[in-house]
Amino acid sequence: MMDSRVNSWVDPARRIGADLHLDLSESSGPGGRRAALTRALRDAVRSGRLAPGTRLPPYRSLAADLGVARNTVADAYAELVAEGWLSARQGSGTRVAERAEPLRRAERVPRKAPPRARGPRHDLRQGTPDASAFPRAAWLTSCRRALQQAPNEVFGPGDPAGRIELREALTEYLARARGVRTEPDRIVICSGFAHALRLLFGQDRSGGGGVLRGPLAVEAYGLGFHRELLAAAGVRTVPLPLDEDGARVDRLARERAVLLTPAHQFPTGGPLHPERRAAVIDWARARGGVVLEDDYDGEFRYDRKPVGAVQGLDPERVIFIGSVSKSLSPALRLGWMVLPERYVGDVLAAKGEREAWVSVLDQLSLADFIVSGAYDRHVRRMRQRYRSRRDRLVAALAEHAPHVEVTGVAAGLHAVLRLPPGTERSTVKAATWQGVALDGLAEFRHPDATEEDTPARDGIVVGCATPSEHAYGAALEALCGVLPPAEEPTPGE
């Protein structure tokens, strides 16, 4: 009886100190017991176990309850007062601050994973290489070697032009493989072709106009994404007619620049005729204009020797743009611009003082990949694989759909299948229903292209590289199953 009466008159703060249930098991961590006590008190306030306004025990009482030194408690209280978790006033002790609202936990509702988009069973879209063929072991070797040999300054602020090791490697490689004439100081590393367009036509860091201005002549068939990017930058694009010899550069007029895919016209296929290559250089010299050369599919030629870059005809009139998005992987985000000398400073100014787009370590790895010869070996291996796939596509069509003409297959990672008039839309729709992803040719046509200059033709663009090796056969079978039948002959013919 005596014990219960005594306990009923114990200071409430003393009883709180005995019942705080503070866990100091982490006292061996950073800061020792004081830090552990600070964390425990902070967690008690944050969780709501110690409500705003609650008076805490005096230093001596809590120290006795926990078996710690009085100064340990005093220091922990002082730190939490400084942080705003506790408040201390002369004569009223230490209390939980009124603003220390506990975290309100919403009623737990089981979270459902967002539904995963159901991808196509057979992906024959253009524009991507076989992801399963990425040279992981060889790339890892180059990564390790580049990291081991990297000087300390690599880990500081980057050069907006890109690492000198990569620019030197590209100078040698592009001269040997593509006939490009340049020097390391004229190469600027970027994250791909789209990034190059943004640097050339977007606003610079001061808010001024881009390095180049429109109007820009483009081929009547090309990537709509690039046209949209240019339109967003306020650049008007003017379609150039196409025929079997490539872009009709004789139709260039008052444009300030022209964008071409001379190695392999995208998506219709075929190189730019030699006479037109010379003619576009003559136009640039006479007009003071510039040619933007998209080196699309430059590495993947199958039936004849590679076509050299237009840039080699006049390095001061051509901006040569390339990347590893087709030869290695678009995930690397590595590309380059080979610039006339007069544009280098403006492009670097547009890019900014710090390299914010391309990892320096990836640049060093690619430089080693090129210099070691691994890049050449990989391109040769993939050229053989993609040629084999091209041949399988042509053979499958010859057997199951001989009425469908295949074009643009002398190079690149895709083919154009010419369809009977009026069947493109229904064929793309049928392919979608059957789980076959591909693109209609009309999607790539410039909206201002005229029927008179470039007659529209029904067709589909089929990527030969996207499926993995084991899935390619089934993809071809599914493709042949959605193609329109041959036209019935007219009676009497």
Protein backbone atom coordinates (compact mmCIF):
# COMPACT_ATOMS: atom_id res chain seq x y z
CA MET A 1 0.00 0.00 0.00
CA MET A 2 2.78 2.34 0.92
CA ASP A 3 4.55 1.62 -2.39
CA SER A 4 1.46 2.45 -4.45
CA ARG A 5 0.88 5.73 -2.63
CA VAL A 6 4.50 6.73 -3.12
CA ASN A 7 4.39 5.85 -6.81
CA SER A 8 1.22 7.86 -7.36
CA TRP A 9 2.99 10.99 -6.23
CA VAL A 10 6.06 10.52 -8.42
CA ASP A 11 6.78 13.48 -10.79
CA PRO A 12 4.93 12.75 -14.09
CA ALA A 13 8.11 13.65 -16.02
CA ARG A 14 9.94 10.93 -14.05
CA ARG A 15 7.31 8.42 -15.07
CA ILE A 16 7.57 9.57 -18.70
CA GLY A 17 11.30 9.04 -18.55
CA ALA A 18 10.80 5.50 -17.38
CA ASP A 19 8.28 4.76 -20.13
CA LEU A 20 9.89 6.37 -23.20
CA HIS A 21 11.12 2.99 -24.43
CA LEU A 22 14.07 4.59 -26.16
CA ASP A 23 16.25 2.12 -28.02
CA LEU A 24 19.94 2.92 -27.66
CA SER A 25 21.08 -0.35 -29.22
CA GLU A 26 22.82 1.61 -32.00
CA SER A 27 25.02 3.47 -29.49
CA SER A 28 28.11 1.85 -30.98
CA GLY A 29 27.47 3.63 -34.28
CA PRO A 30 28.67 7.10 -35.34
CA GLY A 31 28.53 9.54 -32.42
CA GLY A 32 28.16 6.91 -29.69
CA ARG A 33 25.39 7.00 -27.09
CA ARG A 34 24.63 10.71 -27.50
CA ALA A 35 23.94 10.26 -31.22
CA ALA A 36 21.87 7.13 -30.52
CA LEU A 37 19.78 9.04 -27.93
CA THR A 38 19.30 11.93 -30.34
CA ARG A 39 18.08 9.59 -33.09
CA ALA A 40 15.76 7.75 -30.70
CA LEU A 41 14.14 10.96 -29.42
CA ARG A 42 13.79 12.35 -32.95
CA ASP A 43 12.11 9.12 -34.12
CA ALA A 44 9.75 9.18 -31.12
CA VAL A 45 8.61 12.70 -32.00
CA ARG A 46 8.42 12.00 -35.73
CA SER A 47 6.28 8.90 -35.24
CA GLY A 48 3.88 10.64 -32.83
CA ARG A 49 4.81 8.64 -29.69
CA LEU A 50 5.83 11.96 -28.15
CA ALA A 51 3.07 14.42 -29.02
CA PRO A 52 3.60 18.20 -29.38
CA GLY A 53 3.68 19.85 -25.92
CA THR A 54 4.82 16.72 -24.07
CA ARG A 55 7.22 17.57 -21.25
CA LEU A 56 10.41 15.52 -21.24
CA PRO A 57 12.22 14.31 -18.09
CA PRO A 58 15.02 16.40 -16.57
CA TYR A 59 18.54 15.52 -17.65
CA ARG A 60 19.34 13.71 -14.38
CA SER A 61 16.17 11.60 -14.38
CA LEU A 62 16.45 10.42 -17.97
CA ALA A 63 20.18 9.81 -17.55
CA ALA A 64 19.48 7.59 -14.54
CA ASP A 65 16.72 5.69 -16.34
CA LEU A 66 18.91 5.03 -19.37
CA GLY A 67 22.20 4.52 -17.55
CA VAL A 68 24.01 7.28 -19.40
CA ALA A 69 25.90 10.38 -18.32
CA ARG A 70 23.92 13.53 -17.60
CA ASN A 71 25.91 15.48 -20.20
CA THR A 72 24.90 12.92 -22.81
CA VAL A 73 21.22 13.77 -22.25
CA ALA A 74 21.93 17.51 -22.06
CA ASP A 75 23.80 17.45 -25.38
CA ALA A 76 21.05 15.42 -27.09
CA TYR A 77 18.34 17.83 -25.85
CA ALA A 78 20.40 20.84 -27.00
CA GLU A 79 20.84 19.38 -30.50
CA LEU A 80 17.10 18.69 -30.88
CA VAL A 81 16.22 22.16 -29.61
CA ALA A 82 18.55 23.63 -32.24
CA GLU A 83 16.86 21.50 -34.91
CA GLY A 84 13.39 22.60 -33.80
CA TRP A 85 12.15 19.22 -32.55
CA LEU A 86 12.16 20.37 -28.90
CA SER A 87 11.70 23.68 -27.11
CA ALA A 88 13.27 24.73 -23.80
CA ARG A 89 12.13 27.56 -21.55
CA GLN A 90 13.40 28.60 -18.16
CA GLY A 91 11.04 27.25 -15.50
CA SER A 92 8.96 25.00 -17.78
CA GLY A 93 11.57 22.42 -18.72
CA THR A 94 12.07 20.79 -22.10
CA ARG A 95 9.03 19.93 -24.20
CA VAL A 96 8.22 18.59 -27.65
CA ALA A 97 7.89 21.61 -29.93
CA GLU A 98 4.37 22.51 -30.98
CA ARG A 99 5.38 22.51 -34.65
CA ALA A 100 6.90 19.04 -34.51
CA GLU A 101 3.92 17.42 -36.19
CA PRO A 102 4.22 13.66 -36.50
CA LEU A 103 4.11 12.11 -39.93
CA ARG A 104 0.50 11.32 -40.70
CA ARG A 105 0.32 7.95 -42.28
CA ALA A 106 -2.37 7.62 -44.85
CA GLU A 107 -4.54 4.58 -44.66
CA ARG A 108 -2.60 1.87 -46.36
CA VAL A 109 -4.17 0.92 -49.62
CA PRO A 110 -2.55 -1.96 -51.45
CA ARG A 111 -0.72 -0.48 -54.39
CA LYS A 112 -1.35 -2.11 -57.67
CA ALA A 113 1.48 -2.24 -60.12
CA PRO A 114 0.65 -0.19 -63.21
CA PRO A 115 -0.44 -2.39 -66.06
CA ARG A 116 2.46 -3.21 -68.31
CA ALA A 117 2.01 -2.18 -71.88
CA ARG A 118 1.67 -5.28 -73.95
CA GLY A 119 4.37 -5.12 -76.56
CA PRO A 120 4.15 -6.62 -80.02
CA ARG A 121 4.87 -10.31 -80.44
CA HIS A 122 7.08 -9.50 -83.42
CA ASP A 123 8.98 -6.22 -83.55
CA LEU A 124 9.93 -5.29 -87.11
CA ARG A 125 10.19 -1.57 -86.56
CA GLN A 126 13.10 0.22 -88.15
CA GLY A 127 15.79 2.20 -86.41
CA THR A 128 17.25 -0.13 -83.78
CA PRO A 129 19.95 -2.80 -83.92
CA ASP A 130 19.67 -6.25 -82.40
CA ALA A 131 19.97 -5.47 -78.68
CA SER A 132 21.03 -9.04 -77.90
CA ALA A 133 24.13 -8.59 -80.08
CA PHE A 134 25.68 -5.81 -77.99
CA PRO A 135 29.37 -6.81 -77.48
CA ARG A 136 29.22 -6.94 -73.69
CA ALA A 137 32.53 -8.70 -73.04
CA ALA A 138 34.53 -6.53 -75.46
CA TRP A 139 32.88 -3.34 -74.19
CA LEU A 140 33.59 -4.32 -70.58
CA THR A 141 37.24 -4.89 -71.47
CA SER A 142 37.44 -1.40 -72.96
CA CYS A 143 35.64 0.11 -69.97
CA ARG A 144 38.08 -1.45 -67.53
CA ARG A 145 41.14 -0.50 -69.56
CA ALA A 146 39.89 3.07 -70.05
CA LEU A 147 39.17 3.46 -66.35
CA GLN A 148 42.56 2.09 -65.32
CA GLN A 149 44.43 4.35 -67.72
CA ALA A 150 42.34 7.50 -67.19
CA PRO A 151 44.29 10.49 -65.81
CA ASN A 152 42.96 12.10 -62.65
CA GLU A 153 41.70 15.18 -64.52
CA VAL A 154 39.11 12.95 -66.23
CA PHE A 155 37.09 13.08 -63.03
CA GLY A 156 36.92 16.86 -63.02
CA PRO A 157 34.77 19.20 -65.14
CA GLY A 158 34.49 17.98 -68.71
CA ASP A 159 35.49 19.65 -71.95
CA PRO A 160 32.34 20.62 -73.90
CA ALA A 161 34.04 19.46 -77.10
CA GLY A 162 34.39 15.97 -75.62
CA ARG A 163 37.37 13.93 -74.52
CA ILE A 164 40.43 14.40 -76.70
CA GLU A 165 41.05 10.63 -76.67
CA LEU A 166 37.72 10.01 -78.43
CA ARG A 167 38.09 12.91 -80.85
CA GLU A 168 41.54 11.64 -81.88
CA ALA A 169 40.23 8.10 -82.31
CA LEU A 170 37.32 9.35 -84.42
CA THR A 171 39.62 11.44 -86.59
CA GLU A 172 41.56 8.34 -87.62
CA TYR A 173 38.54 6.02 -87.87
CA LEU A 174 36.32 8.36 -89.91
CA ALA A 175 39.15 9.09 -92.34
CA ARG A 176 39.78 5.39 -92.85
CA ALA A 177 36.20 4.08 -92.90
CA ARG A 178 34.18 7.02 -94.25
CA GLY A 179 36.64 9.24 -96.14
CA VAL A 180 36.09 12.15 -93.73
CA ARG A 181 38.77 14.87 -93.66
CA THR A 182 39.05 16.53 -90.27
CA GLU A 183 41.13 17.21 -87.16
CA PRO A 184 40.30 16.53 -83.49
CA ASP A 185 39.67 20.23 -82.85
CA ARG A 186 36.82 20.20 -85.39
CA ILE A 187 34.94 17.34 -83.74
CA VAL A 188 32.32 17.97 -81.05
CA ILE A 189 30.89 15.00 -79.15
CA CYS A 190 27.13 14.94 -78.68
CA SER A 191 24.53 12.44 -77.52
CA GLY A 192 23.20 11.61 -80.97
CA PHE A 193 21.71 13.09 -84.11
CA ALA A 194 18.76 14.76 -82.36
CA HIS A 195 21.12 16.45 -79.90
CA ALA A 196 23.20 17.68 -82.82
CA LEU A 197 20.13 19.27 -84.41
CA ARG A 198 19.24 20.96 -81.12
CA LEU A 199 22.72 22.41 -80.84
CA LEU A 200 22.72 23.63 -84.43
CA PHE A 201 19.22 25.10 -84.57
CA GLY A 202 18.15 25.66 -80.97
CA GLN A 203 18.66 28.74 -78.84
CA ASP A 204 22.08 29.29 -77.37
CA ARG A 205 22.74 29.76 -73.65
CA SER A 206 22.26 33.53 -73.90
CA GLY A 207 18.80 33.10 -75.42
CA GLY A 208 19.90 34.09 -78.89
CA GLY A 209 19.36 32.25 -82.14
CA GLY A 210 21.00 28.94 -82.99
CA VAL A 211 24.19 28.32 -84.93
CA LEU A 212 22.14 27.80 -88.12
CA ARG A 213 18.82 29.22 -89.24
CA GLY A 214 16.14 28.11 -91.66
CA PRO A 215 14.67 27.58 -94.01
CA LEU A 216 16.19 24.10 -94.19
CA ALA A 217 15.75 21.83 -97.19
CA VAL A 218 15.09 18.19 -96.27
CA GLU A 219 14.37 15.05 -98.25
CA ALA A 220 10.70 14.44 -99.01
CA TYR A 221 10.87 11.24 -96.95
CA GLY A 222 12.56 11.27 -93.56
CA LEU A 223 12.01 10.96 -89.82
CA GLY A 224 9.00 12.93 -88.62
CA PHE A 225 10.66 13.28 -85.22
CA HIS A 226 13.43 15.36 -86.75
CA ARG A 227 10.94 17.61 -88.55
CA GLU A 228 9.02 18.10 -85.29
CA LEU A 229 12.22 18.97 -83.44
CA LEU A 230 13.10 21.56 -86.07
CA ALA A 231 9.59 22.99 -86.10
CA ALA A 232 9.75 23.42 -82.33
CA ALA A 233 12.92 25.48 -82.84
CA GLY A 234 11.10 27.69 -85.34
CA VAL A 235 12.84 26.21 -88.38
CA ARG A 236 10.78 25.82 -91.55
CA THR A 237 11.62 22.71 -93.56
CA VAL A 238 11.18 22.54 -97.33
CA PRO A 239 10.85 19.07 -98.94
CA LEU A 240 13.20 18.12 -101.76
CA PRO A 241 11.78 15.67 -104.33
CA LEU A 242 13.24 12.16 -104.44
CA ASP A 243 13.84 9.78 -107.32
CA GLU A 244 15.99 6.70 -107.94
CA ASP A 245 19.17 8.82 -107.73
CA GLY A 246 18.32 10.35 -104.38
CA ALA A 247 17.38 13.92 -103.48
CA ARG A 248 16.80 16.37 -106.33
CA VAL A 249 19.41 18.87 -105.20
CA ASP A 250 18.87 20.82 -108.42
CA ARG A 251 15.64 22.03 -106.79
CA LEU A 252 17.52 23.84 -104.03
CA ALA A 253 16.72 27.53 -104.11
CA ARG A 254 16.89 30.12 -101.35
CA GLU A 255 17.41 27.70 -98.46
CA ARG A 256 20.38 28.32 -96.20
CA ALA A 257 21.10 24.67 -95.49
CA VAL A 258 20.12 21.20 -96.66
CA LEU A 259 19.86 17.97 -94.65
CA LEU A 260 20.67 14.79 -96.58
CA THR A 261 21.20 11.06 -95.96
CA PRO A 262 23.57 10.49 -98.90
CA ALA A 263 25.02 7.11 -97.88
CA HIS A 264 21.58 5.44 -97.73
CA GLN A 265 18.47 7.57 -98.13
CA PHE A 266 16.14 7.09 -95.21
CA PRO A 267 13.80 5.34 -95.54
CA THR A 268 13.49 4.69 -99.29
CA GLY A 269 17.09 3.46 -99.73
CA GLY A 270 19.83 4.12 -102.23
CA PRO A 271 22.86 6.44 -102.21
CA LEU A 272 22.96 9.96 -103.55
CA HIS A 273 24.20 9.92 -107.16
CA PRO A 274 27.82 11.12 -107.60
CA GLU A 275 26.75 13.98 -109.88
CA ARG A 276 24.32 15.21 -107.25
CA ARG A 277 26.98 14.99 -104.57
CA ALA A 278 29.15 17.35 -106.60
CA ALA A 279 26.14 19.54 -107.39
CA VAL A 280 25.15 20.05 -103.75
CA ILE A 281 28.70 21.15 -102.92
CA ASP A 282 28.59 23.63 -105.81
CA TRP A 283 25.28 24.96 -104.46
CA ALA A 284 26.74 25.40 -100.96
CA ARG A 285 29.74 27.29 -102.31
CA ALA A 286 27.64 29.55 -104.51
CA ARG A 287 25.02 30.28 -101.84
CA GLY A 288 27.32 30.39 -98.83
CA GLY A 289 25.18 27.54 -97.50
CA VAL A 290 25.97 24.36 -95.61
CA VAL A 291 25.17 20.68 -96.11
CA LEU A 292 24.15 18.62 -93.06
CA GLU A 293 25.21 15.04 -93.77
CA ASP A 294 23.41 12.43 -91.69
CA ASP A 295 25.68 9.38 -92.00
CA TYR A 296 22.74 7.02 -91.66
CA ASP A 297 23.72 3.35 -92.19
CA GLY A 298 27.14 4.38 -93.45
CA GLU A 299 28.79 1.26 -91.97
CA PHE A 300 26.36 -1.34 -93.30
CA ARG A 301 26.84 -1.84 -97.04
CA TYR A 302 26.21 -5.31 -98.45
CA ASP A 303 26.33 -5.41 -102.24
CA ARG A 304 29.00 -2.87 -103.06
CA LYS A 305 31.83 -0.94 -101.47
CA PRO A 306 30.96 1.71 -98.88
CA VAL A 307 30.06 5.11 -100.28
CA GLY A 308 32.41 7.78 -98.95
CA ALA A 309 31.13 10.82 -97.10
CA VAL A 310 30.13 13.94 -99.00
CA GLN A 311 32.12 15.82 -96.37
CA GLY A 312 35.35 14.66 -98.05
CA LEU A 313 34.50 16.83 -101.09
CA ASP A 314 34.58 20.06 -99.07
CA PRO A 315 35.08 19.95 -95.27
CA GLU A 316 34.29 23.68 -95.02
CA ARG A 317 30.79 23.28 -96.53
CA VAL A 318 29.58 20.10 -94.82
CA ILE A 319 28.62 19.26 -91.23
CA PHE A 320 29.05 15.51 -90.87
CA ILE A 321 26.93 13.90 -88.13
CA GLY A 322 27.23 10.31 -86.95
CA SER A 323 26.60 8.10 -83.92
CA VAL A 324 26.81 4.55 -82.59
CA SER A 325 23.04 4.18 -82.24
CA LYS A 326 22.85 1.69 -85.15
CA SER A 327 26.30 0.13 -84.99
CA LEU A 328 26.34 -0.46 -81.20
CA SER A 329 23.29 0.72 -79.28
CA PRO A 330 21.10 3.82 -78.94
CA ALA A 331 21.37 3.38 -75.16
CA LEU A 332 24.98 4.62 -75.23
CA ARG A 333 23.89 8.13 -76.31
CA LEU A 334 27.15 8.78 -78.15
CA GLY A 335 27.46 10.77 -81.35
CA TRP A 336 29.66 13.34 -83.02
CA MET A 337 29.67 16.36 -85.30
CA VAL A 338 32.54 17.04 -87.68
CA LEU A 339 32.34 20.78 -88.22
CA PRO A 340 33.71 23.40 -90.58
CA GLU A 341 36.13 25.54 -88.63
CA ARG A 342 33.82 28.58 -88.63
CA TYR A 343 31.11 26.73 -86.66
CA VAL A 344 33.17 25.14 -83.89
CA GLY A 345 33.12 28.11 -81.50
CA ASP A 346 29.39 28.72 -81.93
CA VAL A 347 28.51 25.06 -81.34
CA LEU A 348 30.62 24.95 -78.18
CA ALA A 349 28.97 28.14 -76.96
CA ALA A 350 25.55 26.59 -77.56
CA LYS A 351 26.59 23.47 -75.71
CA GLY A 352 27.82 25.30 -72.62
CA GLU A 353 30.96 25.12 -70.51
CA ARG A 354 30.25 21.76 -68.91
CA GLU A 355 29.58 18.45 -70.66
CA ALA A 356 26.05 17.69 -69.51
CA TRP A 357 25.03 15.05 -72.01
CA VAL A 358 27.61 12.35 -72.58
CA SER A 359 29.42 10.43 -69.85
CA VAL A 360 33.16 10.98 -69.96
CA LEU A 361 33.74 7.34 -69.02
CA ASP A 362 31.61 6.21 -71.97
CA GLN A 363 33.64 8.48 -74.23
CA LEU A 364 36.89 6.96 -72.99
CA SER A 365 35.47 3.45 -73.39
CA LEU A 366 34.43 4.13 -76.98
CA ALA A 367 37.85 5.59 -77.74
CA ASP A 368 39.51 2.42 -76.49
CA PHE A 369 36.93 0.28 -78.33
CA ILE A 370 37.86 1.99 -81.59
CA VAL A 371 41.65 2.09 -81.09
CA SER A 372 41.83 -1.56 -79.98
CA GLY A 373 40.10 -2.69 -83.18
CA ALA A 374 37.08 -4.08 -81.32
CA TYR A 375 34.74 -1.64 -83.05
CA ASP A 376 35.86 -2.74 -86.53
CA ARG A 377 35.47 -6.39 -85.57
CA HIS A 378 31.98 -5.78 -84.19
CA VAL A 379 30.86 -3.87 -87.29
CA ARG A 380 32.16 -6.62 -89.59
CA ARG A 381 30.36 -9.27 -87.54
CA MET A 382 27.10 -7.34 -87.52
CA ARG A 383 27.38 -6.56 -91.23
CA GLN A 384 27.45 -10.31 -91.91
CA ARG A 385 24.53 -10.94 -89.55
CA TYR A 386 22.34 -8.20 -90.98
CA ARG A 387 23.15 -9.23 -94.53
CA SER A 388 22.04 -12.75 -93.66
CA ARG A 389 18.80 -11.37 -92.27
CA ARG A 390 18.29 -9.26 -95.38
CA ASP A 391 18.73 -12.38 -97.51
CA ARG A 392 16.26 -14.35 -95.40
CA LEU A 393 13.68 -11.57 -95.77
CA VAL A 394 14.11 -11.47 -99.55
CA ALA A 395 13.88 -15.26 -99.76
CA ALA A 396 10.74 -15.41 -97.61
CA LEU A 397 9.02 -12.79 -99.73
CA ALA A 398 10.04 -14.52 -102.96
CA GLU A 399 8.41 -17.71 -101.69
CA HIS A 400 5.28 -16.38 -99.98
CA ALA A 401 4.64 -12.96 -101.56
CA PRO A 402 6.46 -12.72 -104.92
CA HIS A 403 4.18 -9.89 -105.98
CA VAL A 404 5.69 -7.61 -103.29
CA GLU A 405 8.72 -5.63 -104.49
CA VAL A 406 11.59 -5.21 -102.02
CA THR A 407 13.72 -2.06 -102.29
CA GLY A 408 16.46 -0.28 -100.39
CA VAL A 409 18.21 -3.50 -99.36
CA ALA A 410 21.73 -2.80 -100.64
CA ALA A 411 22.55 -1.30 -97.25
CA GLY A 412 21.14 -0.54 -93.84
CA LEU A 413 18.98 -2.21 -91.22
CA HIS A 414 15.60 -2.04 -92.96
CA ALA A 415 13.84 -2.69 -96.25
CA VAL A 416 10.91 -1.04 -98.00
CA LEU A 417 8.19 -3.37 -99.26
CA ARG A 418 6.19 -1.84 -102.13
CA LEU A 419 2.51 -2.73 -101.85
CA PRO A 420 -0.39 -2.66 -104.33
CA PRO A 421 -2.04 0.79 -104.46
CA GLY A 422 -4.47 1.45 -101.65
CA THR A 423 -3.30 -1.39 -99.39
CA GLU A 424 -0.80 0.29 -97.05
CA ARG A 425 -3.22 1.36 -94.34
CA SER A 426 -5.05 -1.98 -94.21
CA THR A 427 -1.74 -3.86 -94.13
CA VAL A 428 -0.43 -1.85 -91.16
CA LYS A 429 -3.75 -2.37 -89.38
CA ALA A 430 -3.69 -6.11 -90.03
CA ALA A 431 -0.11 -6.28 -88.77
CA THR A 432 -1.11 -4.54 -85.55
CA TRP A 433 -3.94 -6.99 -84.99
CA GLN A 434 -1.55 -9.88 -85.47
CA GLY A 435 1.06 -8.44 -83.08
CA VAL A 436 3.52 -7.40 -85.78
CA ALA A 437 5.04 -3.95 -85.25
CA LEU A 438 6.13 -2.15 -88.41
CA ASP A 439 5.82 1.28 -90.03
CA GLY A 440 3.86 2.47 -93.02
CA LEU A 441 5.83 4.39 -95.62
CA ALA A 442 3.36 7.29 -95.47
CA GLU A 443 4.45 8.06 -91.89
CA PHE A 444 7.80 9.31 -93.19
CA ARG A 445 6.46 11.55 -95.96
CA HIS A 446 6.89 15.30 -95.50
CA PRO A 447 3.46 16.93 -95.12
CA ASP A 448 4.33 19.52 -97.78
CA ALA A 449 5.59 17.03 -100.35
CA THR A 450 3.54 17.23 -103.55
CA GLU A 451 2.27 14.39 -105.68
CA GLU A 452 3.74 16.06 -108.74
CA ASP A 453 7.27 16.23 -107.34
CA THR A 454 7.34 13.01 -105.33
CA PRO A 455 4.45 10.64 -106.13
CA ALA A 456 3.23 8.80 -103.04
CA ARG A 457 3.52 5.03 -103.17
CA ASP A 458 2.05 2.45 -100.83
CA GLY A 459 4.59 0.52 -98.81
CA ILE A 460 5.80 -0.61 -95.41
CA VAL A 461 9.18 -0.15 -93.76
CA VAL A 462 10.43 -3.39 -92.22
CA GLY A 463 13.33 -3.49 -89.76
CA CYS A 464 15.59 -6.49 -90.26
CA ALA A 465 17.73 -5.91 -87.17
CA THR A 466 15.35 -5.40 -84.25
CA PRO A 467 14.30 -9.00 -83.41
CA SER A 468 16.78 -11.27 -81.70
CA GLU A 469 18.29 -14.05 -83.79
CA HIS A 470 16.04 -16.79 -82.43
CA ALA A 471 12.88 -14.70 -82.96
CA TYR A 472 13.58 -13.57 -86.52
CA GLY A 473 12.16 -16.60 -88.32
CA ALA A 474 8.80 -16.37 -86.57
CA ALA A 475 8.71 -12.62 -87.26
CA LEU A 476 9.18 -13.22 -91.00
CA GLU A 477 6.44 -15.83 -91.01
CA ALA A 478 4.06 -13.44 -89.27
CA LEU A 479 5.00 -10.65 -91.70
CA CYS A 480 4.21 -12.76 -94.75
CA GLY A 481 0.86 -13.61 -93.18
CA VAL A 482 -0.33 -9.99 -93.13
CA LEU A 483 0.78 -8.91 -96.60
CA PRO A 484 -2.00 -8.23 -99.13
CA PRO A 485 -2.58 -10.85 -101.81
CA ALA A 486 -1.61 -10.30 -105.42
CA GLU A 487 -4.01 -8.26 -107.49
CA GLU A 488 -6.45 -10.32 -109.51
CA PRO A 489 -5.83 -9.95 -113.27
CA THR A 490 -8.47 -8.07 -115.19
CA PRO A 491 -10.67 -10.44 -117.29
CA GLY A 492 -9.38 -10.62 -120.82
CA GLU A 493 -5.79 -9.86 -119.92
